[in-house]
Amino acid sequence: MRLTTRTNLAIRTLMFCAVNPHLTVRKSDIAAACNASENHLAQVVRTLGQHNFIDATRGRHGGLQLMRSPSEINIGAVFRVFEADLPFAECFSPANTCPLVDACWLRNAIHDAVEALYASLDKVRLSDLVEGNDGLTALLRFHAPPGCTRPGRDLPAGQGVASVEEAAARSPGRPA
């Protein structure tokens, strides 16, 4: 089985947002960190927003944040959003032309394998992918360019942060 680029980018986007919980991140930040096209990422972001995984705000001060805690985001559900409409094999497509479809037992085996994959992914939460994963955090932690600051969104009023490092310091259990 091979995942689509869209599913791969969706998971990368969610991980980037989870690693940077007190920041509103931008598509360009994610694209740079994940070696992705911003145009392709825009399609993924739109779908993630439509399915309430992220809050995407447009405009100059816009960006992305998770709509739910990472522990509430089921990876199997994300995969289904991006993969469910794509038939795994021709025999699962409404446009199927395979003459063996009525007698082929491989179709049942493939169906069972795909369902087993989703059942396995249903056990995984976004938090399982990011919490305690120092290597991933080091790769995806947002670092503002020199002289540039971005305030955190979920901090109490009047407690904006001067830097990303301060936001990380305020996030328990997260290294700066």
N, C-alpha and C. Protein backbone atom coordinates (compact mmCIF):
# COMPACT_ATOMS: atom_id res chain seq x y z
N MET A 1 0.85 -1.18 0.00
CA MET A 1 0.00 0.00 0.00
C MET A 1 0.89 1.24 0.00
N ARG A 2 0.45 2.23 -0.68
CA ARG A 2 1.19 3.48 -0.75
C ARG A 2 0.23 4.62 -0.44
N LEU A 3 0.63 5.50 0.48
CA LEU A 3 -0.21 6.63 0.85
C LEU A 3 -0.08 7.75 -0.16
N THR A 4 -1.15 8.50 -0.30
CA THR A 4 -1.09 9.64 -1.19
C THR A 4 -0.26 10.75 -0.55
N THR A 5 0.24 11.64 -1.37
CA THR A 5 0.99 12.80 -0.89
C THR A 5 0.10 13.64 0.01
N ARG A 6 -1.17 13.74 -0.31
CA ARG A 6 -2.09 14.54 0.51
C ARG A 6 -2.19 14.01 1.93
N THR A 7 -2.28 12.69 2.09
CA THR A 7 -2.35 12.11 3.43
C THR A 7 -1.05 12.36 4.18
N ASN A 8 0.06 12.17 3.50
CA ASN A 8 1.36 12.41 4.10
C ASN A 8 1.48 13.87 4.57
N LEU A 9 1.09 14.81 3.73
CA LEU A 9 1.14 16.23 4.10
C LEU A 9 0.17 16.55 5.23
N ALA A 10 -0.97 15.90 5.26
CA ALA A 10 -1.94 16.14 6.34
C ALA A 10 -1.34 15.75 7.69
N ILE A 11 -0.71 14.60 7.75
CA ILE A 11 -0.10 14.16 9.01
C ILE A 11 1.05 15.09 9.38
N ARG A 12 1.89 15.47 8.42
CA ARG A 12 2.98 16.40 8.70
C ARG A 12 2.45 17.73 9.23
N THR A 13 1.37 18.23 8.62
CA THR A 13 0.78 19.49 9.05
C THR A 13 0.27 19.39 10.49
N LEU A 14 -0.43 18.32 10.80
CA LEU A 14 -0.93 18.14 12.15
C LEU A 14 0.21 18.01 13.16
N MET A 15 1.27 17.31 12.79
CA MET A 15 2.41 17.18 13.69
C MET A 15 3.08 18.53 13.91
N PHE A 16 3.22 19.33 12.84
CA PHE A 16 3.83 20.65 12.97
C PHE A 16 3.01 21.51 13.93
N CYS A 17 1.70 21.50 13.76
CA CYS A 17 0.83 22.28 14.65
C CYS A 17 0.91 21.78 16.09
N ALA A 18 0.99 20.47 16.26
CA ALA A 18 1.06 19.89 17.61
C ALA A 18 2.37 20.22 18.31
N VAL A 19 3.46 20.27 17.57
CA VAL A 19 4.77 20.58 18.14
C VAL A 19 4.86 22.07 18.51
N ASN A 20 4.03 22.88 17.89
CA ASN A 20 4.04 24.33 18.13
C ASN A 20 2.66 24.76 18.66
N PRO A 21 2.27 24.27 19.85
CA PRO A 21 0.89 24.43 20.30
C PRO A 21 0.45 25.85 20.63
N HIS A 22 1.36 26.74 20.98
CA HIS A 22 0.96 28.09 21.38
C HIS A 22 1.21 29.12 20.28
N LEU A 23 1.37 28.62 19.05
CA LEU A 23 1.63 29.52 17.93
C LEU A 23 0.58 29.32 16.84
N THR A 24 0.31 30.37 16.15
CA THR A 24 -0.47 30.28 14.93
C THR A 24 0.57 30.16 13.83
N VAL A 25 0.66 28.99 13.23
CA VAL A 25 1.70 28.74 12.22
C VAL A 25 1.16 29.02 10.83
N ARG A 26 2.03 29.25 9.93
CA ARG A 26 1.63 29.56 8.55
C ARG A 26 1.97 28.40 7.62
N LYS A 27 1.25 28.37 6.51
CA LYS A 27 1.52 27.34 5.50
C LYS A 27 2.98 27.38 5.08
N SER A 28 3.52 28.57 4.93
CA SER A 28 4.92 28.69 4.49
C SER A 28 5.87 28.07 5.50
N ASP A 29 5.55 28.18 6.80
CA ASP A 29 6.38 27.57 7.84
C ASP A 29 6.36 26.05 7.69
N ILE A 30 5.17 25.52 7.50
CA ILE A 30 5.01 24.06 7.36
C ILE A 30 5.67 23.58 6.08
N ALA A 31 5.44 24.29 5.00
CA ALA A 31 6.03 23.90 3.71
C ALA A 31 7.55 23.85 3.79
N ALA A 32 8.14 24.85 4.43
CA ALA A 32 9.60 24.88 4.56
C ALA A 32 10.10 23.73 5.42
N ALA A 33 9.44 23.48 6.54
CA ALA A 33 9.88 22.42 7.45
C ALA A 33 9.66 21.02 6.88
N CYS A 34 8.64 20.87 6.06
CA CYS A 34 8.25 19.54 5.56
C CYS A 34 8.59 19.31 4.10
N ASN A 35 9.33 20.25 3.50
CA ASN A 35 9.74 20.10 2.10
C ASN A 35 8.53 19.85 1.20
N ALA A 36 7.57 20.77 1.29
CA ALA A 36 6.32 20.60 0.56
C ALA A 36 5.99 21.84 -0.25
N SER A 37 5.20 21.66 -1.27
CA SER A 37 4.71 22.76 -2.08
C SER A 37 3.59 23.48 -1.32
N GLU A 38 3.66 24.81 -1.26
CA GLU A 38 2.59 25.57 -0.59
C GLU A 38 1.25 25.39 -1.29
N ASN A 39 1.26 25.28 -2.61
CA ASN A 39 0.01 25.08 -3.34
C ASN A 39 -0.64 23.75 -2.99
N HIS A 40 0.16 22.70 -2.93
CA HIS A 40 -0.37 21.39 -2.57
C HIS A 40 -0.83 21.40 -1.12
N LEU A 41 -0.05 22.05 -0.27
CA LEU A 41 -0.37 22.15 1.15
C LEU A 41 -1.69 22.91 1.35
N ALA A 42 -1.97 23.90 0.51
CA ALA A 42 -3.22 24.67 0.63
C ALA A 42 -4.44 23.77 0.50
N GLN A 43 -4.40 22.80 -0.41
CA GLN A 43 -5.51 21.87 -0.58
C GLN A 43 -5.69 21.01 0.67
N VAL A 44 -4.58 20.57 1.23
CA VAL A 44 -4.61 19.74 2.43
C VAL A 44 -5.16 20.54 3.61
N VAL A 45 -4.69 21.77 3.76
CA VAL A 45 -5.15 22.63 4.86
C VAL A 45 -6.65 22.87 4.76
N ARG A 46 -7.14 23.11 3.57
CA ARG A 46 -8.57 23.32 3.38
C ARG A 46 -9.36 22.09 3.84
N THR A 47 -8.92 20.91 3.46
CA THR A 47 -9.61 19.69 3.85
C THR A 47 -9.52 19.46 5.36
N LEU A 48 -8.36 19.69 5.95
CA LEU A 48 -8.22 19.54 7.41
C LEU A 48 -9.16 20.50 8.14
N GLY A 49 -9.30 21.71 7.62
CA GLY A 49 -10.22 22.68 8.22
C GLY A 49 -11.67 22.27 8.07
N GLN A 50 -12.03 21.75 6.90
CA GLN A 50 -13.41 21.32 6.66
C GLN A 50 -13.82 20.18 7.58
N HIS A 51 -12.84 19.39 8.02
CA HIS A 51 -13.13 18.24 8.89
C HIS A 51 -12.78 18.52 10.35
N ASN A 52 -12.62 19.80 10.68
CA ASN A 52 -12.42 20.25 12.06
C ASN A 52 -11.19 19.68 12.77
N PHE A 53 -10.14 19.47 12.00
CA PHE A 53 -8.87 19.09 12.62
C PHE A 53 -8.06 20.34 12.96
N ILE A 54 -8.16 21.36 12.10
CA ILE A 54 -7.42 22.60 12.33
C ILE A 54 -8.35 23.80 12.16
N ASP A 55 -7.93 24.89 12.78
CA ASP A 55 -8.59 26.18 12.59
C ASP A 55 -7.68 26.98 11.68
N ALA A 56 -8.15 27.30 10.50
CA ALA A 56 -7.34 28.05 9.54
C ALA A 56 -7.93 29.44 9.39
N THR A 57 -7.13 30.44 9.70
CA THR A 57 -7.55 31.82 9.58
C THR A 57 -6.81 32.45 8.43
N ARG A 58 -7.55 33.07 7.52
CA ARG A 58 -6.93 33.69 6.35
C ARG A 58 -6.47 35.10 6.68
N GLY A 59 -5.62 35.62 5.83
CA GLY A 59 -5.21 37.01 5.96
C GLY A 59 -3.81 37.19 6.49
N ARG A 60 -3.43 38.44 6.60
CA ARG A 60 -2.07 38.80 6.98
C ARG A 60 -1.66 38.22 8.33
N HIS A 61 -2.57 38.21 9.28
CA HIS A 61 -2.26 37.71 10.61
C HIS A 61 -2.85 36.32 10.82
N GLY A 62 -3.18 35.66 9.73
CA GLY A 62 -3.80 34.35 9.80
C GLY A 62 -2.78 33.24 9.96
N GLY A 63 -3.29 32.05 9.98
CA GLY A 63 -2.46 30.86 10.10
C GLY A 63 -3.28 29.69 10.59
N LEU A 64 -2.60 28.70 11.12
CA LEU A 64 -3.24 27.45 11.50
C LEU A 64 -2.95 27.11 12.95
N GLN A 65 -3.93 26.48 13.58
CA GLN A 65 -3.77 25.87 14.89
C GLN A 65 -4.67 24.65 14.95
N LEU A 66 -4.32 23.72 15.80
CA LEU A 66 -5.19 22.56 16.00
C LEU A 66 -6.50 23.02 16.62
N MET A 67 -7.59 22.40 16.21
CA MET A 67 -8.89 22.71 16.80
C MET A 67 -9.13 21.89 18.06
N ARG A 68 -8.39 20.80 18.19
CA ARG A 68 -8.54 19.91 19.34
C ARG A 68 -7.18 19.57 19.90
N SER A 69 -7.18 19.02 21.05
CA SER A 69 -5.95 18.53 21.66
C SER A 69 -5.40 17.40 20.80
N PRO A 70 -4.07 17.25 20.73
CA PRO A 70 -3.50 16.13 19.96
C PRO A 70 -4.01 14.77 20.43
N SER A 71 -4.37 14.65 21.69
CA SER A 71 -4.88 13.37 22.19
C SER A 71 -6.29 13.08 21.69
N GLU A 72 -6.95 14.08 21.10
CA GLU A 72 -8.30 13.90 20.57
C GLU A 72 -8.33 13.73 19.05
N ILE A 73 -7.16 13.74 18.42
CA ILE A 73 -7.10 13.59 16.96
C ILE A 73 -6.65 12.17 16.63
N ASN A 74 -7.56 11.43 16.04
CA ASN A 74 -7.35 10.04 15.69
C ASN A 74 -6.72 9.96 14.30
N ILE A 75 -5.58 9.29 14.21
CA ILE A 75 -4.86 9.20 12.94
C ILE A 75 -5.65 8.39 11.91
N GLY A 76 -6.36 7.37 12.36
CA GLY A 76 -7.20 6.59 11.44
C GLY A 76 -8.27 7.47 10.78
N ALA A 77 -8.83 8.39 11.55
CA ALA A 77 -9.85 9.29 11.01
C ALA A 77 -9.24 10.22 9.95
N VAL A 78 -8.02 10.68 10.20
CA VAL A 78 -7.34 11.54 9.22
C VAL A 78 -7.10 10.76 7.93
N PHE A 79 -6.61 9.54 8.05
CA PHE A 79 -6.36 8.72 6.86
C PHE A 79 -7.65 8.49 6.08
N ARG A 80 -8.74 8.22 6.78
CA ARG A 80 -10.01 7.99 6.08
C ARG A 80 -10.46 9.22 5.29
N VAL A 81 -10.25 10.41 5.87
CA VAL A 81 -10.64 11.64 5.17
C VAL A 81 -9.91 11.75 3.83
N PHE A 82 -8.63 11.42 3.83
CA PHE A 82 -7.82 11.63 2.63
C PHE A 82 -7.74 10.41 1.72
N GLU A 83 -7.97 9.23 2.23
CA GLU A 83 -7.79 8.01 1.43
C GLU A 83 -9.10 7.32 1.05
N ALA A 84 -10.18 7.57 1.76
CA ALA A 84 -11.41 6.79 1.58
C ALA A 84 -12.00 6.88 0.18
N ASP A 85 -11.86 8.03 -0.47
CA ASP A 85 -12.45 8.18 -1.80
C ASP A 85 -11.62 7.56 -2.91
N LEU A 86 -10.43 7.11 -2.56
CA LEU A 86 -9.55 6.52 -3.57
C LEU A 86 -9.60 5.00 -3.46
N PRO A 87 -10.11 4.33 -4.47
CA PRO A 87 -10.17 2.87 -4.39
C PRO A 87 -8.77 2.26 -4.35
N PHE A 88 -8.60 1.28 -3.47
CA PHE A 88 -7.29 0.64 -3.35
C PHE A 88 -6.95 -0.15 -4.61
N ALA A 89 -7.93 -0.73 -5.22
CA ALA A 89 -7.74 -1.50 -6.46
C ALA A 89 -8.94 -1.22 -7.38
N GLU A 90 -8.77 -1.55 -8.63
CA GLU A 90 -9.82 -1.29 -9.62
C GLU A 90 -11.15 -1.90 -9.21
N CYS A 91 -11.12 -3.07 -8.59
CA CYS A 91 -12.37 -3.76 -8.26
C CYS A 91 -13.18 -3.02 -7.19
N PHE A 92 -12.61 -2.03 -6.53
CA PHE A 92 -13.34 -1.23 -5.55
C PHE A 92 -13.88 0.06 -6.16
N SER A 93 -13.58 0.30 -7.40
CA SER A 93 -13.99 1.53 -8.08
C SER A 93 -15.36 1.37 -8.73
N PRO A 94 -16.17 2.41 -8.70
CA PRO A 94 -17.44 2.35 -9.43
C PRO A 94 -17.23 2.16 -10.93
N ALA A 95 -16.05 2.54 -11.42
CA ALA A 95 -15.75 2.39 -12.85
C ALA A 95 -15.02 1.08 -13.14
N ASN A 96 -15.20 0.11 -12.28
CA ASN A 96 -14.52 -1.18 -12.42
C ASN A 96 -14.86 -1.85 -13.76
N THR A 97 -13.83 -2.32 -14.46
CA THR A 97 -14.02 -3.06 -15.71
C THR A 97 -13.41 -4.45 -15.65
N CYS A 98 -12.96 -4.85 -14.48
CA CYS A 98 -12.33 -6.17 -14.35
C CYS A 98 -13.38 -7.27 -14.53
N PRO A 99 -13.15 -8.18 -15.45
CA PRO A 99 -14.13 -9.24 -15.71
C PRO A 99 -14.15 -10.31 -14.61
N LEU A 100 -13.18 -10.28 -13.68
CA LEU A 100 -13.09 -11.31 -12.64
C LEU A 100 -13.80 -10.92 -11.35
N VAL A 101 -14.32 -9.72 -11.28
CA VAL A 101 -14.82 -9.17 -10.01
C VAL A 101 -15.84 -10.08 -9.31
N ASP A 102 -16.68 -10.77 -10.02
CA ASP A 102 -17.70 -11.61 -9.39
C ASP A 102 -17.13 -12.92 -8.85
N ALA A 103 -15.97 -13.34 -9.32
CA ALA A 103 -15.41 -14.62 -8.90
C ALA A 103 -14.08 -14.50 -8.18
N CYS A 104 -13.55 -13.31 -8.08
CA CYS A 104 -12.20 -13.13 -7.51
C CYS A 104 -12.26 -13.01 -5.99
N TRP A 105 -11.51 -13.86 -5.32
CA TRP A 105 -11.48 -13.83 -3.86
C TRP A 105 -10.41 -12.86 -3.33
N LEU A 106 -9.57 -12.39 -4.22
CA LEU A 106 -8.54 -11.43 -3.79
C LEU A 106 -9.19 -10.15 -3.28
N ARG A 107 -10.30 -9.77 -3.88
CA ARG A 107 -11.01 -8.55 -3.47
C ARG A 107 -11.33 -8.59 -1.98
N ASN A 108 -11.82 -9.72 -1.48
CA ASN A 108 -12.15 -9.85 -0.06
C ASN A 108 -10.89 -9.74 0.81
N ALA A 109 -9.82 -10.35 0.35
CA ALA A 109 -8.57 -10.29 1.11
C ALA A 109 -8.03 -8.86 1.18
N ILE A 110 -8.12 -8.15 0.07
CA ILE A 110 -7.68 -6.75 0.04
C ILE A 110 -8.57 -5.91 0.95
N HIS A 111 -9.86 -6.11 0.89
CA HIS A 111 -10.78 -5.37 1.75
C HIS A 111 -10.43 -5.59 3.22
N ASP A 112 -10.19 -6.85 3.60
CA ASP A 112 -9.84 -7.16 4.99
C ASP A 112 -8.51 -6.52 5.39
N ALA A 113 -7.55 -6.50 4.47
CA ALA A 113 -6.25 -5.88 4.77
C ALA A 113 -6.38 -4.37 4.98
N VAL A 114 -7.16 -3.71 4.14
CA VAL A 114 -7.37 -2.27 4.27
C VAL A 114 -8.08 -1.97 5.58
N GLU A 115 -9.10 -2.75 5.92
CA GLU A 115 -9.80 -2.56 7.19
C GLU A 115 -8.88 -2.78 8.38
N ALA A 116 -7.96 -3.75 8.28
CA ALA A 116 -6.99 -4.00 9.36
C ALA A 116 -6.05 -2.81 9.51
N LEU A 117 -5.65 -2.23 8.39
CA LEU A 117 -4.80 -1.03 8.44
C LEU A 117 -5.52 0.09 9.19
N TYR A 118 -6.76 0.38 8.82
CA TYR A 118 -7.52 1.44 9.48
C TYR A 118 -7.73 1.12 10.96
N ALA A 119 -8.01 -0.13 11.28
CA ALA A 119 -8.20 -0.52 12.69
C ALA A 119 -6.92 -0.27 13.49
N SER A 120 -5.79 -0.54 12.88
CA SER A 120 -4.50 -0.29 13.55
C SER A 120 -4.28 1.20 13.74
N LEU A 121 -4.57 2.00 12.71
CA LEU A 121 -4.39 3.44 12.80
C LEU A 121 -5.39 4.10 13.75
N ASP A 122 -6.55 3.46 13.95
CA ASP A 122 -7.54 4.00 14.88
C ASP A 122 -7.01 3.98 16.32
N LYS A 123 -6.01 3.19 16.59
CA LYS A 123 -5.42 3.11 17.93
C LYS A 123 -4.39 4.21 18.18
N VAL A 124 -4.06 4.97 17.15
CA VAL A 124 -3.01 5.97 17.23
C VAL A 124 -3.63 7.37 17.28
N ARG A 125 -3.17 8.15 18.22
CA ARG A 125 -3.57 9.55 18.35
C ARG A 125 -2.40 10.43 17.93
N LEU A 126 -2.69 11.66 17.55
CA LEU A 126 -1.63 12.59 17.19
C LEU A 126 -0.65 12.75 18.35
N SER A 127 -1.15 12.75 19.56
CA SER A 127 -0.27 12.87 20.74
C SER A 127 0.73 11.72 20.80
N ASP A 128 0.36 10.54 20.34
CA ASP A 128 1.28 9.40 20.33
C ASP A 128 2.46 9.64 19.40
N LEU A 129 2.26 10.45 18.39
CA LEU A 129 3.31 10.72 17.40
C LEU A 129 4.26 11.83 17.84
N VAL A 130 3.79 12.74 18.69
CA VAL A 130 4.60 13.92 19.00
C VAL A 130 5.11 14.01 20.43
N GLU A 131 4.34 13.54 21.40
CA GLU A 131 4.74 13.69 22.80
C GLU A 131 5.96 12.83 23.11
N GLY A 132 6.98 13.48 23.65
CA GLY A 132 8.22 12.78 24.00
C GLY A 132 9.11 12.48 22.80
N ASN A 133 8.72 12.91 21.62
CA ASN A 133 9.50 12.66 20.41
C ASN A 133 10.43 13.86 20.19
N ASP A 134 11.55 13.86 20.91
CA ASP A 134 12.48 14.99 20.85
C ASP A 134 13.06 15.21 19.46
N GLY A 135 13.28 14.14 18.71
CA GLY A 135 13.81 14.28 17.35
C GLY A 135 12.83 15.02 16.46
N LEU A 136 11.56 14.67 16.55
CA LEU A 136 10.54 15.34 15.75
C LEU A 136 10.39 16.80 16.20
N THR A 137 10.39 17.01 17.50
CA THR A 137 10.28 18.37 18.02
C THR A 137 11.43 19.24 17.51
N ALA A 138 12.63 18.70 17.50
CA ALA A 138 13.78 19.46 17.01
C ALA A 138 13.62 19.82 15.53
N LEU A 139 13.03 18.93 14.76
CA LEU A 139 12.85 19.18 13.34
C LEU A 139 11.70 20.15 13.04
N LEU A 140 10.65 20.11 13.85
CA LEU A 140 9.45 20.87 13.53
C LEU A 140 9.21 22.10 14.41
N ARG A 141 10.01 22.29 15.44
CA ARG A 141 9.82 23.47 16.29
C ARG A 141 10.06 24.72 15.46
N PHE A 142 9.10 25.66 15.50
CA PHE A 142 9.22 26.88 14.72
C PHE A 142 10.28 27.77 15.33
N HIS A 143 11.16 28.29 14.50
CA HIS A 143 12.18 29.25 14.93
C HIS A 143 11.99 30.51 14.10
N ALA A 144 11.62 31.59 14.78
CA ALA A 144 11.39 32.85 14.08
C ALA A 144 12.70 33.39 13.53
N PRO A 145 12.64 34.01 12.36
CA PRO A 145 13.84 34.65 11.81
C PRO A 145 14.31 35.75 12.78
N PRO A 146 15.60 36.08 12.76
CA PRO A 146 16.10 37.12 13.66
C PRO A 146 15.29 38.40 13.53
N GLY A 147 14.93 38.98 14.67
CA GLY A 147 14.18 40.23 14.68
C GLY A 147 12.70 40.07 14.47
N CYS A 148 12.23 38.86 14.29
CA CYS A 148 10.81 38.60 14.04
C CYS A 148 10.21 37.89 15.25
N THR A 149 9.07 38.35 15.71
CA THR A 149 8.39 37.68 16.81
C THR A 149 6.97 37.37 16.40
N ARG A 150 6.41 36.31 16.99
CA ARG A 150 5.03 35.92 16.73
C ARG A 150 4.37 35.59 18.06
N PRO A 151 3.34 36.31 18.44
CA PRO A 151 2.70 36.05 19.73
C PRO A 151 1.92 34.74 19.72
N GLY A 152 1.81 34.13 20.91
CA GLY A 152 0.99 32.93 21.06
C GLY A 152 -0.47 33.31 21.11
N ARG A 153 -1.35 32.40 20.70
CA ARG A 153 -2.77 32.71 20.65
C ARG A 153 -3.51 32.26 21.90
N ASP A 154 -3.11 31.16 22.50
CA ASP A 154 -3.88 30.59 23.59
C ASP A 154 -3.41 31.04 24.97
N LEU A 155 -2.59 32.07 25.03
CA LEU A 155 -2.14 32.55 26.32
C LEU A 155 -3.16 33.53 26.88
N PRO A 156 -3.24 33.65 28.21
CA PRO A 156 -4.19 34.59 28.81
C PRO A 156 -3.93 36.01 28.32
N ALA A 157 -4.97 36.83 28.31
CA ALA A 157 -4.86 38.21 27.84
C ALA A 157 -3.75 38.94 28.58
N GLY A 158 -3.00 39.72 27.85
CA GLY A 158 -1.91 40.48 28.45
C GLY A 158 -0.64 39.69 28.64
N GLN A 159 -0.64 38.42 28.27
CA GLN A 159 0.55 37.60 28.44
C GLN A 159 1.08 37.13 27.10
N GLY A 160 1.06 38.00 26.12
CA GLY A 160 1.65 37.67 24.83
C GLY A 160 3.13 37.40 25.03
N VAL A 161 3.74 36.70 24.14
CA VAL A 161 5.14 36.34 24.31
C VAL A 161 6.01 37.13 23.35
N ALA A 162 7.22 37.39 23.78
CA ALA A 162 8.14 38.14 22.94
C ALA A 162 8.83 37.25 21.94
N SER A 163 8.84 35.96 22.18
CA SER A 163 9.53 35.07 21.25
C SER A 163 8.93 33.68 21.30
N VAL A 164 9.24 32.90 20.30
CA VAL A 164 8.79 31.52 20.25
C VAL A 164 9.39 30.74 21.41
N GLU A 165 10.63 31.06 21.78
CA GLU A 165 11.28 30.36 22.88
C GLU A 165 10.51 30.57 24.19
N GLU A 166 9.99 31.79 24.41
CA GLU A 166 9.21 32.03 25.61
C GLU A 166 7.92 31.23 25.56
N ALA A 167 7.31 31.13 24.39
CA ALA A 167 6.09 30.33 24.27
C ALA A 167 6.39 28.88 24.60
N ALA A 168 7.50 28.37 24.13
CA ALA A 168 7.88 26.98 24.41
C ALA A 168 8.15 26.80 25.90
N ALA A 169 8.77 27.79 26.53
CA ALA A 169 9.07 27.71 27.96
C ALA A 169 7.79 27.67 28.78
N ARG A 170 6.72 28.30 28.31
CA ARG A 170 5.45 28.32 29.02
C ARG A 170 4.65 27.04 28.79
N SER A 171 5.05 26.25 27.83
CA SER A 171 4.34 25.00 27.53
C SER A 171 4.97 23.89 28.33
N PRO A 172 4.26 23.35 29.35
CA PRO A 172 4.85 22.32 30.20
C PRO A 172 5.26 21.08 29.42
N GLY A 173 6.43 20.56 29.77
CA GLY A 173 6.91 19.33 29.16
C GLY A 173 7.48 19.49 27.77
N ARG A 174 7.58 20.69 27.28
CA ARG A 174 8.11 20.92 25.93
C ARG A 174 9.44 21.61 26.03
N PRO A 175 10.49 21.03 25.48
CA PRO A 175 11.78 21.71 25.47
C PRO A 175 11.76 22.89 24.52
N ALA A 176 12.53 23.92 24.86
CA ALA A 176 12.58 25.12 24.00
C ALA A 176 13.45 24.89 22.80
